[in-house]
Each structure stands twice: as C-alpha cells, then as structure tokens.
Amino acid sequence: MEPKASKRQPAESYDNKQNKRNNKRFGSIPAEDCGPVRVAFVASIFGHFESFHLPYMELLQQKGCEVHAYAQPGEARLRLEEKRILCHDVPIQRSPLQMQNLAALRMLTESFKKEGFQFVHVHTPVASILGRIAAYRAGIPCTLYTAHGFHFFKGAPLVNWMLYYPLERLMARWTDVLITINSEDYTRAQKFSVRKKVIYVSGVGLDLQVYSSERDHPEVEAEKADRRRQLFDLPKSEHDEPPFVILCVAELNANKNQKQLIEALGQLGARAANIHLAFAGTGPLEQTLLELANRLGVSDRVHMLGYRRDIPELLRACDVAALVSYREGLPRAIMEAMAVGKPVIGTHIRGIRDLIEHESTGMLVPVDDIVATAKAFIQLRDDSALTTAMGETNKESIIRYGLPAVLREMDSIYIEALNKEERKRVPSEMQPSLSGD
C-alpha cells in the first residue's frame, strides 16, 4: 500500500522573482541548478515541519530540488502543499510499540523505492527509526537524522535508557549524518557508529525579526500598564509596587513541571505579594495546577492564558521568562525570551544550560528545588539592574541561534548530502535585515 501523496509539481527552480523573495525572507543562498533531485523529510506529524523546518525545505526548493514530506495525516499538510511541498500520509505513531508502525514502515519503503530520493532527512524518535530503516531498504544514498533531544539523558528514567538508547546505537549504523542541537547529545553521539559524522548545529533557527520588533507606536506609561494588565489578566494593583510577571510558555504537562513555579510562589507567602505567574499554553494538567494554586493560597496570582498566538507581545510585556522542565532538547521558549531581551529562570538540565549561563543571562535551579526557585523569583524582582543586564546579554547571545546562522550550517550539510562535489558552492549572502543585529 502506497502513502497518499499530493499532486506532483515539476522539479524546477523558482523563477528569479521567487528566488529573490525567498532569499530576502530566509537569508539563504542564491538558487543554483542541481537538477531534478528529489529529497524527503520524515516526522511523526506535518506540524513539526511547519513549525521547525519550512525554511530548510524552501532552501532546498531554491536549489531546484523537489521536496517531499511524510507524516501522519493532519491539517498542517494543506499549508505545506501551498508551499509546493509534496506530502504523503503515513500512519506513523509516536509510541514505538504500536502495530501501525509496521504498516508505516512498509509504506515508507515502497514510496522511497519509487521516488528514488537523493537523501532523506528524518526527525522525531519513532519516525526517525522508521525512516532510516526504510531508507536503508530502499537504497537511499544518504540519510540525515536530527536528534531534537534524545529520550535518554542524565537523570532520565531507566526505561528510556533501556528502550531508546540501544535503538539509537543500532540505528546509527544506517545514519550518514547525525545532527545534534545540544552539547550533551553531541558528546554522547560521538560514541555512536554513524556512517559519516556527528555534527552540532545551533538549534532549528529562530526568526529574530519576529521577536525584536517593538509596537508600531509609542505608548505612555498608563497605556502600557493597561495593555499589560489585559494581556495577563492582572487585577488592579493594591500595592505600591507594580506587578512583577513571570511568564512560562509551554504545554501544561508533567514534563514541563509548572508545579515547581507555583510551589515556589506559595512558599514565599507575603514576600511575593506582587509576583504573578502567567502560563501561556494548554494541556492535561491545567486543572491540577489551578487546584494546587488554590491550595497554596496563590490562585489570585496564577493566570492561565490558554493557547496564544501573540507570544512575542507576551514576552515583551513580562518581566522574566521561566521554563523548569525535566527534559528538553534545545527549548524554543527560552530562545524566544532571549530574543526579546528577557532573563530566564530555568532548570539546570540539558538544553536549558546550553542557552542560559547562571547569574549572567538568567538563573539556573535544580529540578524540583522549590527553595532555589523562590530565591530566584526574589532576586530578579528586587534587582532591576541585574534583570536588565541579563536581558541585554541574552539579545547578543541569541544571534548564533538565529535563522540566518542556522541556515548557513544546514546549507553546508545539504550541499554535501546532494553529492554534487564537482560543483563549486555558491557562497551564502545573508540579507542585512536578517543579520540578527
């Protein structure tokens, strides 16, 4: 059974007008003729491509490549197809033990053989395993794998090590280039027997322009205060001090560990009368967190904002960002906060410590350490000069994780994967508007 695919478009370079528009937007290299080459991306859901990999898909299109995407059915497919990406529905399941994954493997293998891809770039744990096996069976010349955060890491549950670690070591034999995005994964992956090499890349690339721009018109302080109160659903302050808002942008689930923030607020009691926690996101633990806040007597200072599309504005309006997860790869939420110039309170774990330097760009606290978290709240609230300095340092530090920088890194990887060594590489010319300044 072959995956359901969208209608094929001719494998040709965009015209000059399209190339010019894409180069301006993404800061990628000028289009070069690499022939009617087909490449594929594989992940569990189409939304993953839309959120993280669309610029790189468009970069390959600019080179004249025909780009395919494989994932389980979802509405994001339609938006990818509008970008001339050929989409294939495959029943990839996130749990490795689901029987549907056997059907997905069969469909991937058959389709890969038919399409004859030059390379396949796989993402997400189960999809990456299925994609690499299918690529091996189909005789694909090159397989790239981006590890967005191994499920095995320092402090991970034993079951993760027993299941995912041996699988990744085995799958490395069918991986030409293993791309890591944090230092712990990069160090560990060096021990894997990949066919070519292990590479460190600075994340998936953040569009810094989205987060650096301010509102189009200046506001007086009263207007700013009113707007801030509306954004975070803050009550009118009865205290001399203005509200101090700590924003957490994340799904409300066990891994994101928002309870650590609420418990820290509860421990501070009257000392935190003007500190408010705002949670942007939805998830299965929303009611549990609200009940915790109520038990601790801080429900009036815990604000559930729900699913939001105005994250940049929320970040600009808050005082501090926070993410106290148990596990991360290289968290976009922290990079977004850095881009708007905010200090960050984060747990001292893989991925977060790659981005945040303790007491320089934010505060790192141990997982589930309520005392240390509460201390960080007070220290940042009471030292405005420190929070300002941290924010300014973050705006400089984030440039290396910006989209232009990561496009350059991925550009060199893709050129090698396309196996066009006889062609002279066209240098990347970054647009000034995307330089990250």
Protein backbone atom coordinates (compact mmCIF):
# COMPACT_ATOMS: atom_id res chain seq x y z
CA MET A 1 0.00 0.00 0.00
CA GLU A 2 1.46 3.33 -1.06
CA PRO A 3 1.07 6.52 1.01
CA LYS A 4 -1.44 9.03 -0.22
CA ALA A 5 0.53 11.86 -1.82
CA SER A 6 -0.29 15.28 -3.10
CA LYS A 7 -0.19 16.04 -6.79
CA ARG A 8 3.37 16.23 -8.11
CA GLN A 9 4.77 19.57 -9.22
CA PRO A 10 7.59 19.85 -11.78
CA ALA A 11 11.03 19.67 -10.19
CA GLU A 12 12.32 23.04 -11.30
CA SER A 13 13.95 26.08 -9.74
CA TYR A 14 11.75 29.00 -8.81
CA ASP A 15 11.91 31.92 -11.20
CA ASN A 16 14.13 34.87 -10.36
CA LYS A 17 11.34 36.80 -8.69
CA GLN A 18 10.51 33.90 -6.38
CA ASN A 19 14.17 33.33 -5.54
CA LYS A 20 14.65 36.98 -4.70
CA ARG A 21 11.63 36.93 -2.39
CA ASN A 22 12.76 33.74 -0.62
CA ASN A 23 16.33 34.95 -0.22
CA LYS A 24 15.11 38.15 1.38
CA ARG A 25 12.87 36.26 3.77
CA PHE A 26 15.16 33.45 4.78
CA GLY A 27 18.64 34.76 4.08
CA SER A 28 19.55 31.59 2.19
CA ILE A 29 21.94 31.16 -0.70
CA PRO A 30 21.03 32.16 -4.24
CA ALA A 31 19.42 29.39 -6.25
CA GLU A 32 21.80 27.04 -8.01
CA ASP A 33 20.84 24.43 -10.55
CA CYS A 34 21.21 21.00 -9.01
CA GLY A 35 18.91 19.26 -11.48
CA PRO A 36 15.63 17.44 -10.84
CA VAL A 37 16.75 16.00 -7.50
CA ARG A 38 14.18 14.63 -5.03
CA VAL A 39 14.65 14.82 -1.27
CA ALA A 40 12.38 13.79 1.61
CA PHE A 41 11.63 14.79 5.19
CA VAL A 42 10.06 12.34 7.67
CA ALA A 43 8.44 13.13 11.07
CA SER A 44 5.51 12.00 13.15
CA ILE A 45 3.28 14.98 12.24
CA PHE A 46 3.21 17.58 9.44
CA GLY A 47 3.02 20.32 12.05
CA HIS A 48 6.61 19.52 13.03
CA PHE A 49 7.80 20.55 9.56
CA GLU A 50 5.68 23.68 9.59
CA SER A 51 6.99 24.76 12.99
CA PHE A 52 10.68 23.95 12.59
CA HIS A 53 11.81 23.00 9.09
CA LEU A 54 9.95 25.03 6.50
CA PRO A 55 12.88 27.44 5.87
CA TYR A 56 15.15 24.49 5.11
CA MET A 57 12.60 22.90 2.81
CA GLU A 58 12.37 26.17 0.92
CA LEU A 59 16.15 26.43 0.81
CA LEU A 60 16.25 23.07 -1.00
CA GLN A 61 13.49 24.19 -3.34
CA GLN A 62 15.59 27.20 -4.25
CA LYS A 63 18.31 24.78 -5.29
CA GLY A 64 15.86 23.16 -7.70
CA CYS A 65 15.04 20.18 -5.51
CA GLU A 66 11.64 18.54 -5.34
CA VAL A 67 10.82 18.30 -1.63
CA HIS A 68 8.59 15.57 -0.17
CA ALA A 69 7.22 15.27 3.38
CA TYR A 70 5.99 12.11 5.15
CA ALA A 71 3.89 12.15 8.34
CA GLN A 72 0.56 11.06 9.77
CA PRO A 73 -2.47 12.92 8.37
CA GLY A 74 -3.04 16.42 9.74
CA GLU A 75 -4.28 19.87 8.78
CA ALA A 76 -0.74 21.27 8.51
CA ARG A 77 -0.39 19.20 5.34
CA LEU A 78 -2.54 21.70 3.42
CA ARG A 79 -0.30 24.61 4.38
CA LEU A 80 2.81 22.68 3.33
CA GLU A 81 1.23 21.89 -0.02
CA GLU A 82 0.68 25.60 -0.56
CA LYS A 83 4.47 25.85 -0.39
CA ARG A 84 4.78 23.27 -3.22
CA ILE A 85 5.88 20.51 -0.85
CA LEU A 86 4.66 17.05 -1.88
CA CYS A 87 3.01 15.47 1.17
CA HIS A 88 2.44 11.77 1.87
CA ASP A 89 0.10 10.47 4.61
CA VAL A 90 1.73 7.65 6.60
CA PRO A 91 0.30 6.23 9.87
CA ILE A 92 3.41 6.87 11.99
CA GLN A 93 2.62 6.50 15.70
CA ARG A 94 4.57 8.21 18.46
CA SER A 95 4.69 5.06 20.57
CA PRO A 96 7.24 2.59 19.17
CA LEU A 97 5.07 -0.37 20.25
CA GLN A 98 2.05 0.45 18.04
CA MET A 99 1.40 -2.15 15.31
CA GLN A 100 0.50 0.59 12.81
CA ASN A 101 4.17 1.45 12.63
CA LEU A 102 4.75 -1.80 10.69
CA ALA A 103 2.34 -0.59 8.03
CA ALA A 104 4.03 2.81 8.09
CA LEU A 105 7.42 1.18 7.53
CA ARG A 106 6.13 -0.79 4.57
CA MET A 107 4.58 2.32 3.02
CA LEU A 108 7.74 4.38 3.52
CA THR A 109 9.93 1.69 1.97
CA GLU A 110 7.73 1.31 -1.10
CA SER A 111 7.47 5.05 -1.62
CA PHE A 112 11.21 5.64 -1.15
CA LYS A 113 11.97 2.99 -3.77
CA LYS A 114 9.54 4.59 -6.19
CA GLU A 115 10.72 8.18 -5.70
CA GLY A 116 14.47 7.49 -5.68
CA PHE A 117 15.45 10.25 -3.26
CA GLN A 118 18.96 11.66 -3.16
CA PHE A 119 18.69 11.96 0.61
CA VAL A 120 16.13 11.54 3.38
CA HIS A 121 16.14 13.82 6.46
CA VAL A 122 14.38 12.20 9.43
CA HIS A 123 13.06 13.77 12.65
CA THR A 124 11.27 12.78 15.89
CA PRO A 125 12.06 9.47 17.68
CA VAL A 126 9.79 6.84 16.10
CA ALA A 127 9.56 8.48 12.69
CA SER A 128 13.35 8.72 12.55
CA ILE A 129 13.69 4.99 13.22
CA LEU A 130 11.12 4.02 10.61
CA GLY A 131 12.56 6.48 8.11
CA ARG A 132 16.11 5.18 8.49
CA ILE A 133 15.08 1.55 8.13
CA ALA A 134 13.04 2.40 5.03
CA ALA A 135 15.90 4.42 3.56
CA TYR A 136 18.29 1.51 4.09
CA ARG A 137 15.89 -0.96 2.48
CA ALA A 138 15.24 1.40 -0.44
CA GLY A 139 18.93 2.04 -1.06
CA ILE A 140 18.77 5.80 -0.45
CA PRO A 141 22.31 7.23 -0.92
CA CYS A 142 22.28 9.47 2.17
CA THR A 143 20.28 9.60 5.40
CA LEU A 144 20.34 12.61 7.73
CA TYR A 145 18.92 12.50 11.25
CA THR A 146 18.32 15.49 13.51
CA ALA A 147 18.08 14.47 17.16
CA HIS A 148 15.89 17.15 18.74
CA GLY A 149 16.75 15.75 22.18
CA PHE A 150 17.49 12.09 22.87
CA HIS A 151 14.98 10.43 25.19
CA PHE A 152 17.94 9.14 27.19
CA PHE A 153 19.87 11.77 29.13
CA LYS A 154 21.37 12.41 32.54
CA GLY A 155 18.57 11.82 35.02
CA ALA A 156 16.22 10.15 32.51
CA PRO A 157 14.03 7.23 33.66
CA LEU A 158 15.66 3.80 33.37
CA VAL A 159 13.02 2.65 30.88
CA ASN A 160 14.12 5.39 28.49
CA TRP A 161 17.68 4.13 28.60
CA MET A 162 16.57 0.52 28.15
CA LEU A 163 14.35 1.28 25.15
CA TYR A 164 15.74 4.26 23.25
CA TYR A 165 19.48 4.05 23.90
CA PRO A 166 20.06 0.65 22.26
CA LEU A 167 17.74 1.63 19.39
CA GLU A 168 19.72 4.80 18.68
CA ARG A 169 23.04 2.95 18.82
CA LEU A 170 21.68 0.39 16.37
CA MET A 171 20.15 2.97 14.03
CA ALA A 172 23.40 4.94 13.91
CA ARG A 173 24.71 2.27 11.50
CA TRP A 174 22.10 3.43 9.00
CA THR A 175 22.71 7.14 9.59
CA ASP A 176 25.16 9.08 7.45
CA VAL A 177 24.99 12.37 9.35
CA LEU A 178 23.65 12.64 12.90
CA ILE A 179 22.77 16.26 13.71
CA THR A 180 22.58 17.23 17.40
CA ILE A 181 21.40 20.52 18.88
CA ASN A 182 22.81 20.46 22.42
CA SER A 183 26.20 19.68 23.95
CA GLU A 184 25.17 16.62 25.99
CA ASP A 185 23.65 14.84 22.99
CA TYR A 186 26.62 15.81 20.81
CA THR A 187 29.11 14.32 23.28
CA ARG A 188 27.15 11.10 23.65
CA ALA A 189 26.52 10.72 19.91
CA GLN A 190 30.28 10.81 19.28
CA LYS A 191 30.35 7.23 20.57
CA PHE A 192 27.79 6.02 18.01
CA SER A 193 28.94 4.23 14.86
CA VAL A 194 27.45 6.60 12.30
CA ARG A 195 28.45 6.08 8.67
CA LYS A 196 29.97 9.55 8.20
CA LYS A 197 29.87 12.04 11.07
CA VAL A 198 28.14 13.62 14.03
CA ILE A 199 27.51 17.37 13.80
CA TYR A 200 26.46 20.05 16.26
CA VAL A 201 24.03 22.64 14.84
CA SER A 202 22.73 25.66 16.78
CA GLY A 203 19.10 24.54 17.00
CA VAL A 204 16.42 24.83 14.35
CA GLY A 205 16.81 28.57 13.77
CA LEU A 206 14.75 31.39 15.27
CA ASP A 207 13.40 34.25 13.17
CA LEU A 208 14.84 37.05 15.28
CA GLN A 209 12.90 39.74 13.45
CA VAL A 210 9.62 38.46 14.87
CA TYR A 211 10.81 38.98 18.43
CA SER A 212 12.96 42.09 18.14
CA SER A 213 10.38 44.49 16.68
CA GLU A 214 8.51 46.78 19.04
CA ARG A 215 4.99 48.11 18.75
CA ASP A 216 4.44 50.46 15.83
CA HIS A 217 3.56 53.44 18.02
CA PRO A 218 4.85 54.66 21.37
CA GLU A 219 2.65 54.35 24.42
CA VAL A 220 2.54 56.40 27.59
CA GLU A 221 3.17 54.50 30.79
CA ALA A 222 -0.52 54.36 31.70
CA GLU A 223 -1.37 52.79 28.35
CA LYS A 224 1.42 50.24 28.74
CA ALA A 225 0.18 49.31 32.19
CA ASP A 226 -3.38 48.88 30.94
CA ARG A 227 -2.25 46.77 28.00
CA ARG A 228 -0.09 44.63 30.28
CA ARG A 229 -2.99 44.11 32.65
CA GLN A 230 -5.17 42.97 29.75
CA LEU A 231 -2.53 40.58 28.36
CA PHE A 232 -2.00 38.76 31.64
CA ASP A 233 -5.45 39.25 33.18
CA LEU A 234 -3.88 41.10 36.10
CA PRO A 235 -6.02 42.71 38.80
CA LYS A 236 -5.60 46.41 39.51
CA SER A 237 -2.68 46.60 41.92
CA GLU A 238 -3.42 47.50 45.52
CA HIS A 239 0.30 47.66 46.27
CA ASP A 240 2.79 50.43 45.73
CA GLU A 241 4.93 48.09 43.65
CA PRO A 242 3.74 47.22 40.12
CA PRO A 243 3.05 43.56 39.31
CA PHE A 244 6.16 41.50 38.58
CA VAL A 245 5.17 38.96 35.91
CA ILE A 246 6.96 35.66 35.34
CA LEU A 247 5.81 34.05 32.08
CA CYS A 248 6.02 30.35 31.22
CA VAL A 249 5.27 29.43 27.60
CA ALA A 250 4.75 25.67 27.42
CA GLU A 251 2.20 22.89 27.24
CA LEU A 252 0.71 22.19 30.67
CA ASN A 253 2.05 18.69 31.15
CA ALA A 254 4.16 16.69 33.59
CA ASN A 255 7.45 17.18 31.76
CA LYS A 256 7.16 20.99 31.76
CA ASN A 257 6.80 20.82 35.55
CA GLN A 258 4.89 24.09 36.09
CA LYS A 259 4.07 22.96 39.63
CA GLN A 260 7.62 23.90 40.65
CA LEU A 261 6.86 27.53 39.86
CA ILE A 262 3.53 27.53 41.70
CA GLU A 263 5.01 25.84 44.77
CA ALA A 264 7.83 28.41 44.85
CA LEU A 265 5.29 31.22 44.73
CA GLY A 266 3.33 29.59 47.54
CA GLN A 267 6.43 29.23 49.72
CA LEU A 268 7.21 32.94 49.53
CA GLY A 269 3.89 33.97 51.05
CA ALA A 270 3.56 37.70 51.70
CA ARG A 271 7.06 38.38 50.36
CA ALA A 272 5.71 37.68 46.86
CA ALA A 273 2.57 39.80 47.06
CA ASN A 274 3.30 41.47 43.72
CA ILE A 275 4.73 38.42 41.88
CA HIS A 276 2.39 36.88 39.31
CA LEU A 277 2.81 33.67 37.31
CA ALA A 278 1.36 33.58 33.80
CA PHE A 279 1.11 30.33 31.85
CA ALA A 280 0.65 30.51 28.08
CA GLY A 281 -0.44 27.11 26.82
CA THR A 282 -2.95 24.34 27.28
CA GLY A 283 -2.61 20.77 28.41
CA PRO A 284 -3.87 17.92 30.57
CA LEU A 285 -2.62 19.37 33.87
CA GLU A 286 -4.36 22.74 33.72
CA GLN A 287 -7.00 21.88 36.31
CA THR A 288 -4.43 20.16 38.55
CA LEU A 289 -2.26 23.27 38.54
CA LEU A 290 -5.20 25.52 39.33
CA GLU A 291 -6.14 23.29 42.26
CA LEU A 292 -2.54 23.43 43.52
CA ALA A 293 -2.55 27.23 43.34
CA ASN A 294 -5.83 27.31 45.25
CA ARG A 295 -4.49 25.00 48.00
CA LEU A 296 -1.40 27.17 48.40
CA GLY A 297 -3.43 30.38 48.54
CA VAL A 298 -1.91 31.93 45.41
CA SER A 299 -4.74 31.43 42.91
CA ASP A 300 -5.16 35.21 42.58
CA ARG A 301 -1.58 35.41 41.26
CA VAL A 302 -1.64 32.41 38.89
CA HIS A 303 -3.04 33.22 35.46
CA MET A 304 -3.90 30.65 32.80
CA LEU A 305 -3.74 32.41 29.44
CA GLY A 306 -4.66 29.42 27.28
CA TYR A 307 -3.39 28.89 23.74
CA ARG A 308 -1.94 32.14 22.43
CA ARG A 309 -0.74 33.42 19.07
CA ASP A 310 0.74 36.63 20.50
CA ILE A 311 3.77 35.09 22.22
CA PRO A 312 6.21 37.83 21.15
CA GLU A 313 3.96 40.50 22.68
CA LEU A 314 3.51 38.49 25.87
CA LEU A 315 7.26 38.07 26.19
CA ARG A 316 7.91 41.76 25.67
CA ALA A 317 5.32 42.60 28.34
CA CYS A 318 6.56 40.19 31.04
CA ASP A 319 9.48 40.78 33.43
CA VAL A 320 11.05 37.31 33.42
CA ALA A 321 10.52 34.10 31.46
CA ALA A 322 10.64 30.67 33.10
CA LEU A 323 10.93 27.05 31.97
CA VAL A 324 11.54 24.40 34.65
CA SER A 325 11.20 21.20 32.63
CA TYR A 326 12.55 17.75 33.42
CA ARG A 327 13.66 17.19 29.81
CA GLU A 328 14.43 19.48 26.87
CA GLY A 329 16.36 19.32 23.61
CA LEU A 330 17.07 22.99 22.93
CA PRO A 331 13.92 24.82 24.05
CA ARG A 332 12.48 27.35 21.65
CA ALA A 333 10.57 29.03 24.50
CA ILE A 334 13.84 30.11 26.09
CA MET A 335 15.31 31.28 22.79
CA GLU A 336 12.21 33.40 22.20
CA ALA A 337 12.61 35.02 25.63
CA MET A 338 16.28 35.70 24.92
CA ALA A 339 15.40 37.32 21.60
CA VAL A 340 13.16 39.92 23.27
CA GLY A 341 15.79 40.59 25.93
CA LYS A 342 14.36 38.87 28.99
CA PRO A 343 16.22 36.98 31.73
CA VAL A 344 15.23 33.36 32.22
CA ILE A 345 14.68 31.10 35.22
CA GLY A 346 15.34 27.54 34.09
CA THR A 347 16.18 24.14 35.44
CA HIS A 348 19.80 23.02 35.25
CA ILE A 349 19.23 20.39 32.56
CA ARG A 350 20.41 19.53 29.07
CA GLY A 351 19.34 22.11 26.52
CA ILE A 352 18.49 24.84 29.03
CA ARG A 353 22.03 25.07 30.36
CA ASP A 354 23.23 25.27 26.74
CA LEU A 355 21.35 28.57 26.45
CA ILE A 356 21.46 30.12 29.92
CA GLU A 357 24.53 30.99 31.97
CA HIS A 358 23.77 31.12 35.67
CA GLU A 359 23.67 34.65 37.10
CA SER A 360 24.77 36.07 33.74
CA THR A 361 21.77 35.56 31.45
CA GLY A 362 19.37 34.03 33.95
CA MET A 363 19.08 31.78 36.98
CA LEU A 364 19.56 28.00 36.80
CA VAL A 365 17.89 25.99 39.54
CA PRO A 366 17.83 22.24 40.25
CA VAL A 367 14.75 20.30 39.15
CA ASP A 368 12.08 20.35 41.89
CA ASP A 369 14.15 22.67 44.12
CA ILE A 370 11.43 24.93 45.44
CA VAL A 371 13.71 26.95 47.72
CA ALA A 372 16.15 27.82 44.94
CA THR A 373 13.30 28.72 42.60
CA ALA A 374 11.70 31.02 45.17
CA LYS A 375 15.08 32.66 45.79
CA ALA A 376 15.44 33.31 42.04
CA PHE A 377 12.00 34.99 41.99
CA ILE A 378 13.01 37.42 44.73
CA GLN A 379 16.49 38.10 43.42
CA LEU A 380 15.28 39.06 39.95
CA ARG A 381 12.33 41.08 41.25
CA ASP A 382 14.48 43.08 43.66
CA ASP A 383 17.38 43.81 41.31
CA SER A 384 16.10 45.59 38.23
CA ALA A 385 19.63 46.45 37.10
CA LEU A 386 20.51 42.76 37.09
CA THR A 387 17.42 41.74 35.11
CA THR A 388 18.08 44.48 32.55
CA ALA A 389 21.72 43.44 32.15
CA MET A 390 20.75 39.78 31.77
CA GLY A 391 18.22 40.66 29.11
CA GLU A 392 20.69 42.71 27.10
CA THR A 393 23.25 39.89 27.23
CA ASN A 394 20.61 37.44 26.03
CA LYS A 395 19.87 39.59 22.98
CA GLU A 396 23.51 39.27 21.98
CA SER A 397 23.82 35.58 22.83
CA ILE A 398 20.80 34.52 20.77
CA ILE A 399 22.25 35.68 17.44
CA ARG A 400 24.12 32.40 16.90
CA TYR A 401 20.78 30.57 17.18
CA GLY A 402 19.02 32.85 14.69
CA LEU A 403 17.68 31.62 11.38
CA PRO A 404 20.42 33.15 9.20
CA ALA A 405 23.18 31.45 11.19
CA VAL A 406 21.48 28.04 11.24
CA LEU A 407 20.59 28.27 7.55
CA ARG A 408 24.30 28.60 6.81
CA GLU A 409 25.04 25.50 8.89
CA MET A 410 22.32 23.42 7.26
CA ASP A 411 23.24 24.72 3.82
CA SER A 412 26.67 23.09 4.01
CA ILE A 413 25.16 19.82 5.25
CA TYR A 414 22.64 19.70 2.41
CA ILE A 415 25.21 20.52 -0.26
CA GLU A 416 27.30 17.56 0.87
CA ALA A 417 24.21 15.33 1.05
CA LEU A 418 23.27 16.26 -2.51
CA ASN A 419 26.61 14.77 -3.53
CA LYS A 420 27.42 17.46 -6.08
CA GLU A 421 31.09 17.73 -5.21
CA GLU A 422 32.05 18.64 -8.75
CA ARG A 423 30.06 21.87 -8.44
CA LYS A 424 31.54 24.94 -6.90
CA ARG A 425 29.49 26.04 -3.92
CA VAL A 426 27.73 29.36 -4.22
CA PRO A 427 28.58 31.44 -1.10
CA SER A 428 25.71 32.32 1.21
CA GLU A 429 24.86 36.01 1.12
CA MET A 430 22.90 36.95 4.22
CA GLN A 431 20.45 39.79 3.95
CA PRO A 432 21.22 42.70 6.32
CA SER A 433 17.63 42.65 7.59
CA LEU A 434 18.17 39.11 8.93
CA SER A 435 21.63 39.56 10.38
CA GLY A 436 20.28 39.45 13.92
CA ASP A 437 21.52 42.97 14.78
